[in-house]
PDB file of all heavy atoms in Angstrom:
ATOM      1  N   GLY A   1      70.346  45.514   9.572  1.00  0.00           N
ATOM      2  CA  GLY A   1      70.850  46.897   9.759  1.00  0.00           C
ATOM      3  C   GLY A   1      69.727  47.797  10.028  1.00  0.00           C
ATOM      4  O   GLY A   1      68.776  47.474  10.776  1.00  0.00           O
ATOM      5  N   LYS A   2      69.976  49.006   9.785  1.00  0.00           N
ATOM      6  CA  LYS A   2      69.145  50.090  10.240  1.00  0.00           C
ATOM      7  C   LYS A   2      68.242  50.712   9.008  1.00  0.00           C
ATOM      8  O   LYS A   2      68.640  50.836   7.887  1.00  0.00           O
ATOM      9  CB  LYS A   2      69.795  51.241  10.868  1.00  0.00           C
ATOM     10  CG  LYS A   2      70.588  50.891  12.100  1.00  0.00           C
ATOM     11  CD  LYS A   2      71.259  52.221  12.684  1.00  0.00           C
ATOM     12  CE  LYS A   2      71.949  51.846  13.955  1.00  0.00           C
ATOM     13  NZ  LYS A   2      72.498  53.042  14.641  1.00  0.00           N
ATOM     14  N   LEU A   3      66.884  50.863   9.463  1.00  0.00           N
ATOM     15  CA  LEU A   3      65.990  51.458   8.443  1.00  0.00           C
ATOM     16  C   LEU A   3      65.415  52.654   9.289  1.00  0.00           C
ATOM     17  O   LEU A   3      64.739  52.516  10.368  1.00  0.00           O
ATOM     18  CB  LEU A   3      64.984  50.516   8.105  1.00  0.00           C
ATOM     19  CG  LEU A   3      63.917  51.165   7.029  1.00  0.00           C
ATOM     20  CD1 LEU A   3      64.500  51.480   5.860  1.00  0.00           C
ATOM     21  CD2 LEU A   3      62.862  49.916   6.886  1.00  0.00           C
ATOM     22  N   LEU A   4      65.554  53.873   8.775  1.00  0.00           N
ATOM     23  CA  LEU A   4      65.031  55.094   9.392  1.00  0.00           C
ATOM     24  C   LEU A   4      65.797  55.206  10.875  1.00  0.00           C
ATOM     25  O   LEU A   4      65.085  55.445  11.902  1.00  0.00           O
ATOM     26  CB  LEU A   4      63.532  55.091   9.599  1.00  0.00           C
ATOM     27  CG  LEU A   4      62.716  55.083   8.265  1.00  0.00           C
ATOM     28  CD1 LEU A   4      61.211  55.028   8.612  1.00  0.00           C
ATOM     29  CD2 LEU A   4      63.134  56.253   7.321  1.00  0.00           C
ATOM     30  N   SER A   5      67.045  54.727  10.811  1.00  0.00           N
ATOM     31  CA  SER A   5      67.911  54.800  12.048  1.00  0.00           C
ATOM     32  C   SER A   5      67.445  53.758  13.137  1.00  0.00           C
ATOM     33  O   SER A   5      67.852  53.810  14.278  1.00  0.00           O
ATOM     34  CB  SER A   5      67.932  56.224  12.846  1.00  0.00           C
ATOM     35  OG  SER A   5      68.308  57.151  11.886  1.00  0.00           O
ATOM     36  N   LEU A   6      66.602  52.840  12.822  1.00  0.00           N
ATOM     37  CA  LEU A   6      66.163  51.704  13.680  1.00  0.00           C
ATOM     38  C   LEU A   6      66.749  50.460  13.272  1.00  0.00           C
ATOM     39  O   LEU A   6      66.703  49.969  12.142  1.00  0.00           O
ATOM     40  CB  LEU A   6      64.583  51.599  13.612  1.00  0.00           C
ATOM     41  CG  LEU A   6      63.871  52.870  13.870  1.00  0.00           C
ATOM     42  CD1 LEU A   6      62.325  52.662  13.736  1.00  0.00           C
ATOM     43  CD2 LEU A   6      63.986  53.322  15.313  1.00  0.00           C
ATOM     44  N   PRO A   7      67.571  49.693  14.251  1.00  0.00           N
ATOM     45  CA  PRO A   7      68.094  48.476  13.908  1.00  0.00           C
ATOM     46  C   PRO A   7      66.875  47.473  13.743  1.00  0.00           C
ATOM     47  O   PRO A   7      65.884  47.415  14.565  1.00  0.00           O
ATOM     48  CB  PRO A   7      68.891  48.129  15.305  1.00  0.00           C
ATOM     49  CG  PRO A   7      69.108  49.354  15.911  1.00  0.00           C
ATOM     50  CD  PRO A   7      67.975  50.227  15.613  1.00  0.00           C
ATOM     51  N   MET A   8      67.025  46.615  12.775  1.00  0.00           N
ATOM     52  CA  MET A   8      65.851  45.695  12.501  1.00  0.00           C
ATOM     53  C   MET A   8      66.380  44.335  12.253  1.00  0.00           C
ATOM     54  O   MET A   8      67.442  44.023  11.790  1.00  0.00           O
ATOM     55  CB  MET A   8      65.119  46.292  11.213  1.00  0.00           C
ATOM     56  CG  MET A   8      64.434  47.570  11.372  1.00  0.00           C
ATOM     57  SD  MET A   8      63.155  47.868  10.089  1.00  0.00           S
ATOM     58  CE  MET A   8      62.499  49.381  10.756  1.00  0.00           C
ATOM     59  N   GLN A   9      65.398  43.379  12.494  1.00  0.00           N
ATOM     60  CA  GLN A   9      65.683  41.831  12.281  1.00  0.00           C
ATOM     61  C   GLN A   9      64.434  41.451  11.360  1.00  0.00           C
ATOM     62  O   GLN A   9      63.314  41.675  11.879  1.00  0.00           O
ATOM     63  CB  GLN A   9      65.752  41.186  13.576  1.00  0.00           C
ATOM     64  CG  GLN A   9      66.864  41.544  14.572  1.00  0.00           C
ATOM     65  CD  GLN A   9      66.568  42.862  15.379  1.00  0.00           C
ATOM     66  OE1 GLN A   9      65.457  42.929  15.950  1.00  0.00           O
ATOM     67  NE2 GLN A   9      67.501  43.663  15.493  1.00  0.00           N
ATOM     68  N   ALA A  10      64.803  40.693  10.318  1.00  0.00           N
ATOM     69  CA  ALA A  10      63.739  40.220   9.458  1.00  0.00           C
ATOM     70  C   ALA A  10      63.769  38.726   9.588  1.00  0.00           C
ATOM     71  O   ALA A  10      64.833  38.097   9.802  1.00  0.00           O
ATOM     72  CB  ALA A  10      63.933  40.729   8.008  1.00  0.00           C
ATOM     73  N   GLY A  11      62.523  38.102   9.419  1.00  0.00           N
ATOM     74  CA  GLY A  11      62.597  36.672   9.508  1.00  0.00           C
ATOM     75  C   GLY A  11      61.630  35.964   8.563  1.00  0.00           C
ATOM     76  O   GLY A  11      60.681  36.671   8.027  1.00  0.00           O
ATOM     77  N   LEU A  12      61.933  34.640   8.231  1.00  0.00           N
ATOM     78  CA  LEU A  12      61.085  33.863   7.350  1.00  0.00           C
ATOM     79  C   LEU A  12      60.614  32.701   8.192  1.00  0.00           C
ATOM     80  O   LEU A  12      61.548  31.978   8.705  1.00  0.00           O
ATOM     81  CB  LEU A  12      61.754  33.533   6.057  1.00  0.00           C
ATOM     82  CG  LEU A  12      61.121  32.445   5.156  1.00  0.00           C
ATOM     83  CD1 LEU A  12      59.824  33.082   4.635  1.00  0.00           C
ATOM     84  CD2 LEU A  12      62.030  32.060   4.063  1.00  0.00           C
ATOM     85  N   PHE A  13      59.355  32.444   8.321  1.00  0.00           N
ATOM     86  CA  PHE A  13      59.075  31.232   9.202  1.00  0.00           C
ATOM     87  C   PHE A  13      57.940  30.470   8.642  1.00  0.00           C
ATOM     88  O   PHE A  13      57.189  30.760   7.639  1.00  0.00           O
ATOM     89  CB  PHE A  13      58.296  31.838  10.607  1.00  0.00           C
ATOM     90  CG  PHE A  13      57.190  32.617  10.421  1.00  0.00           C
ATOM     91  CD1 PHE A  13      55.935  32.098  10.234  1.00  0.00           C
ATOM     92  CD2 PHE A  13      57.256  34.039  10.314  1.00  0.00           C
ATOM     93  CE1 PHE A  13      54.702  32.772  10.178  1.00  0.00           C
ATOM     94  CE2 PHE A  13      56.004  34.783  10.170  1.00  0.00           C
ATOM     95  CZ  PHE A  13      54.795  34.161  10.078  1.00  0.00           C
ATOM     96  N   VAL A  14      57.955  29.146   9.060  1.00  0.00           N
ATOM     97  CA  VAL A  14      56.907  28.229   8.699  1.00  0.00           C
ATOM     98  C   VAL A  14      56.324  27.516  10.042  1.00  0.00           C
ATOM     99  O   VAL A  14      57.139  27.373  10.888  1.00  0.00           O
ATOM    100  CB  VAL A  14      57.501  26.982   7.767  1.00  0.00           C
ATOM    101  CG1 VAL A  14      56.413  26.055   7.563  1.00  0.00           C
ATOM    102  CG2 VAL A  14      58.082  27.643   6.586  1.00  0.00           C
ATOM    103  N   GLU A  15      55.034  27.457  10.127  1.00  0.00           N
ATOM    104  CA  GLU A  15      54.507  26.861  11.287  1.00  0.00           C
ATOM    105  C   GLU A  15      53.445  25.755  10.964  1.00  0.00           C
ATOM    106  O   GLU A  15      52.926  25.861   9.909  1.00  0.00           O
ATOM    107  CB  GLU A  15      53.784  27.872  12.187  1.00  0.00           C
ATOM    108  CG  GLU A  15      54.711  29.081  12.635  1.00  0.00           C
ATOM    109  CD  GLU A  15      54.264  29.988  13.772  1.00  0.00           C
ATOM    110  OE1 GLU A  15      52.967  29.882  13.888  1.00  0.00           O
ATOM    111  OE2 GLU A  15      54.985  30.679  14.234  1.00  0.00           O
ATOM    112  N   ALA A  16      53.297  24.779  11.871  1.00  0.00           N
ATOM    113  CA  ALA A  16      52.392  23.732  11.576  1.00  0.00           C
ATOM    114  C   ALA A  16      51.832  23.089  12.860  1.00  0.00           C
ATOM    115  O   ALA A  16      52.452  23.242  13.839  1.00  0.00           O
ATOM    116  CB  ALA A  16      52.932  22.564  10.678  1.00  0.00           C
ATOM    117  N   GLY A  17      50.606  22.693  12.798  1.00  0.00           N
ATOM    118  CA  GLY A  17      50.028  22.096  14.096  1.00  0.00           C
ATOM    119  C   GLY A  17      48.563  21.875  13.964  1.00  0.00           C
ATOM    120  O   GLY A  17      47.898  21.972  12.846  1.00  0.00           O
ATOM    121  N   SER A  18      47.956  21.695  15.142  1.00  0.00           N
ATOM    122  CA  SER A  18      46.509  21.472  15.086  1.00  0.00           C
ATOM    123  C   SER A  18      45.988  21.463  16.615  1.00  0.00           C
ATOM    124  O   SER A  18      46.730  21.533  17.588  1.00  0.00           O
ATOM    125  CB  SER A  18      46.067  20.098  14.577  1.00  0.00           C
ATOM    126  OG  SER A  18      44.694  19.975  14.370  1.00  0.00           O
ATOM    127  N   ALA A  19      44.667  21.735  16.731  1.00  0.00           N
ATOM    128  CA  ALA A  19      43.998  21.416  18.041  1.00  0.00           C
ATOM    129  C   ALA A  19      42.888  20.437  17.753  1.00  0.00           C
ATOM    130  O   ALA A  19      42.197  20.602  16.733  1.00  0.00           O
ATOM    131  CB  ALA A  19      43.430  22.883  18.546  1.00  0.00           C
ATOM    132  N   TRP A  20      42.729  19.415  18.697  1.00  0.00           N
ATOM    133  CA  TRP A  20      41.852  18.314  18.409  1.00  0.00           C
ATOM    134  C   TRP A  20      41.490  17.729  19.674  1.00  0.00           C
ATOM    135  O   TRP A  20      41.926  18.053  20.821  1.00  0.00           O
ATOM    136  CB  TRP A  20      42.531  17.230  17.485  1.00  0.00           C
ATOM    137  CG  TRP A  20      43.516  16.469  18.082  1.00  0.00           C
ATOM    138  CD1 TRP A  20      43.445  15.271  18.713  1.00  0.00           C
ATOM    139  CD2 TRP A  20      44.981  16.935  18.526  1.00  0.00           C
ATOM    140  NE1 TRP A  20      44.623  14.820  19.388  1.00  0.00           N
ATOM    141  CE2 TRP A  20      45.491  15.779  19.085  1.00  0.00           C
ATOM    142  CE3 TRP A  20      45.680  18.042  18.221  1.00  0.00           C
ATOM    143  CZ2 TRP A  20      46.857  15.851  19.650  1.00  0.00           C
ATOM    144  CZ3 TRP A  20      46.946  17.989  18.581  1.00  0.00           C
ATOM    145  CH2 TRP A  20      47.536  16.986  19.306  1.00  0.00           C
ATOM    146  N   GLY A  21      40.335  16.972  19.593  1.00  0.00           N
ATOM    147  CA  GLY A  21      39.819  16.118  20.599  1.00  0.00           C
ATOM    148  C   GLY A  21      38.846  16.788  21.505  1.00  0.00           C
ATOM    149  O   GLY A  21      39.018  17.842  22.129  1.00  0.00           O
ATOM    150  N   LEU A  22      37.614  16.140  21.618  1.00  0.00           N
ATOM    151  CA  LEU A  22      36.595  16.549  22.515  1.00  0.00           C
ATOM    152  C   LEU A  22      36.018  15.293  23.214  1.00  0.00           C
ATOM    153  O   LEU A  22      36.148  14.223  22.780  1.00  0.00           O
ATOM    154  CB  LEU A  22      35.362  17.189  21.891  1.00  0.00           C
ATOM    155  CG  LEU A  22      35.619  18.466  21.062  1.00  0.00           C
ATOM    156  CD1 LEU A  22      34.437  18.825  20.175  1.00  0.00           C
ATOM    157  CD2 LEU A  22      35.868  19.481  22.096  1.00  0.00           C
ATOM    158  N   ASP A  23      35.546  15.552  24.553  1.00  0.00           N
ATOM    159  CA  ASP A  23      34.851  14.361  25.186  1.00  0.00           C
ATOM    160  C   ASP A  23      33.462  14.069  24.637  1.00  0.00           C
ATOM    161  O   ASP A  23      33.061  12.927  24.790  1.00  0.00           O
ATOM    162  CB  ASP A  23      34.893  14.606  26.664  1.00  0.00           C
ATOM    163  CG  ASP A  23      36.287  14.783  27.348  1.00  0.00           C
ATOM    164  OD1 ASP A  23      37.129  13.888  26.921  1.00  0.00           O
ATOM    165  OD2 ASP A  23      36.399  15.775  27.893  1.00  0.00           O
ATOM    166  N   ASP A  24      32.828  15.056  24.111  1.00  0.00           N
ATOM    167  CA  ASP A  24      31.495  14.965  23.711  1.00  0.00           C
ATOM    168  C   ASP A  24      31.324  15.490  22.282  1.00  0.00           C
ATOM    169  O   ASP A  24      31.587  16.757  22.141  1.00  0.00           O
ATOM    170  CB  ASP A  24      30.489  15.670  24.648  1.00  0.00           C
ATOM    171  CG  ASP A  24      29.085  15.603  24.261  1.00  0.00           C
ATOM    172  OD1 ASP A  24      28.708  14.977  23.245  1.00  0.00           O
ATOM    173  OD2 ASP A  24      28.148  15.892  25.087  1.00  0.00           O
ATOM    174  N   THR A  25      31.052  14.792  21.291  1.00  0.00           N
ATOM    175  CA  THR A  25      31.005  15.172  19.876  1.00  0.00           C
ATOM    176  C   THR A  25      29.523  15.338  19.456  1.00  0.00           C
ATOM    177  O   THR A  25      29.249  15.418  18.313  1.00  0.00           O
ATOM    178  CB  THR A  25      31.799  14.347  18.935  1.00  0.00           C
ATOM    179  OG1 THR A  25      31.222  13.030  18.985  1.00  0.00           O
ATOM    180  CG2 THR A  25      33.298  14.326  19.310  1.00  0.00           C
ATOM    181  N   LEU A  26      28.606  15.340  20.438  1.00  0.00           N
ATOM    182  CA  LEU A  26      27.235  15.311  20.084  1.00  0.00           C
ATOM    183  C   LEU A  26      26.853  14.302  19.266  1.00  0.00           C
ATOM    184  O   LEU A  26      26.312  14.380  18.039  1.00  0.00           O
ATOM    185  CB  LEU A  26      26.828  16.684  19.596  1.00  0.00           C
ATOM    186  CG  LEU A  26      27.091  17.888  20.391  1.00  0.00           C
ATOM    187  CD1 LEU A  26      26.651  19.202  19.632  1.00  0.00           C
ATOM    188  CD2 LEU A  26      26.402  17.717  21.769  1.00  0.00           C
ATOM    189  N   ASN A  27      27.196  13.021  19.606  1.00  0.00           N
ATOM    190  CA  ASN A  27      27.000  11.801  18.820  1.00  0.00           C
ATOM    191  C   ASN A  27      27.508  11.813  17.446  1.00  0.00           C
ATOM    192  O   ASN A  27      26.970  11.382  16.500  1.00  0.00           O
ATOM    193  CB  ASN A  27      25.401  11.549  18.744  1.00  0.00           C
ATOM    194  CG  ASN A  27      24.779  11.330  20.147  1.00  0.00           C
ATOM    195  OD1 ASN A  27      25.457  10.590  20.988  1.00  0.00           O
ATOM    196  ND2 ASN A  27      23.572  11.882  20.418  1.00  0.00           N
ATOM    197  N   GLY A  28      28.747  12.424  17.290  1.00  0.00           N
ATOM    198  CA  GLY A  28      29.476  12.315  16.081  1.00  0.00           C
ATOM    199  C   GLY A  28      29.178  13.487  15.107  1.00  0.00           C
ATOM    200  O   GLY A  28      29.680  13.679  14.087  1.00  0.00           O
ATOM    201  N   ALA A  29      28.394  14.387  15.622  1.00  0.00           N
ATOM    202  CA  ALA A  29      27.991  15.478  14.737  1.00  0.00           C
ATOM    203  C   ALA A  29      29.115  16.590  14.693  1.00  0.00           C
ATOM    204  O   ALA A  29      29.239  17.389  13.762  1.00  0.00           O
ATOM    205  CB  ALA A  29      26.738  16.302  15.404  1.00  0.00           C
ATOM    206  N   ILE A  30      30.083  16.524  15.689  1.00  0.00           N
ATOM    207  CA  ILE A  30      31.248  17.518  15.544  1.00  0.00           C
ATOM    208  C   ILE A  30      32.617  16.701  15.200  1.00  0.00           C
ATOM    209  O   ILE A  30      32.885  15.664  15.770  1.00  0.00           O
ATOM    210  CB  ILE A  30      31.450  18.178  17.061  1.00  0.00           C
ATOM    211  CG1 ILE A  30      30.085  18.858  17.452  1.00  0.00           C
ATOM    212  CG2 ILE A  30      32.632  19.086  17.004  1.00  0.00           C
ATOM    213  CD1 ILE A  30      30.252  19.395  18.806  1.00  0.00           C
ATOM    214  N   ASP A  31      33.199  17.135  14.228  1.00  0.00           N
ATOM    215  CA  ASP A  31      34.481  16.630  13.773  1.00  0.00           C
ATOM    216  C   ASP A  31      35.594  17.064  14.786  1.00  0.00           C
ATOM    217  O   ASP A  31      35.981  18.362  14.765  1.00  0.00           O
ATOM    218  CB  ASP A  31      34.842  17.045  12.425  1.00  0.00           C
ATOM    219  CG  ASP A  31      36.120  16.396  11.845  1.00  0.00           C
ATOM    220  OD1 ASP A  31      36.705  15.650  12.567  1.00  0.00           O
ATOM    221  OD2 ASP A  31      36.496  16.794  10.682  1.00  0.00           O
TER     222      ASP A  31
END
């Protein structure tokens, strides 16, 4: 509905993921 005359949408979210992988880990020094 409206709050201070402004129509509003509320949400509940969950996110999951990762970033990974290198060509060079400096001989295993980088995870």
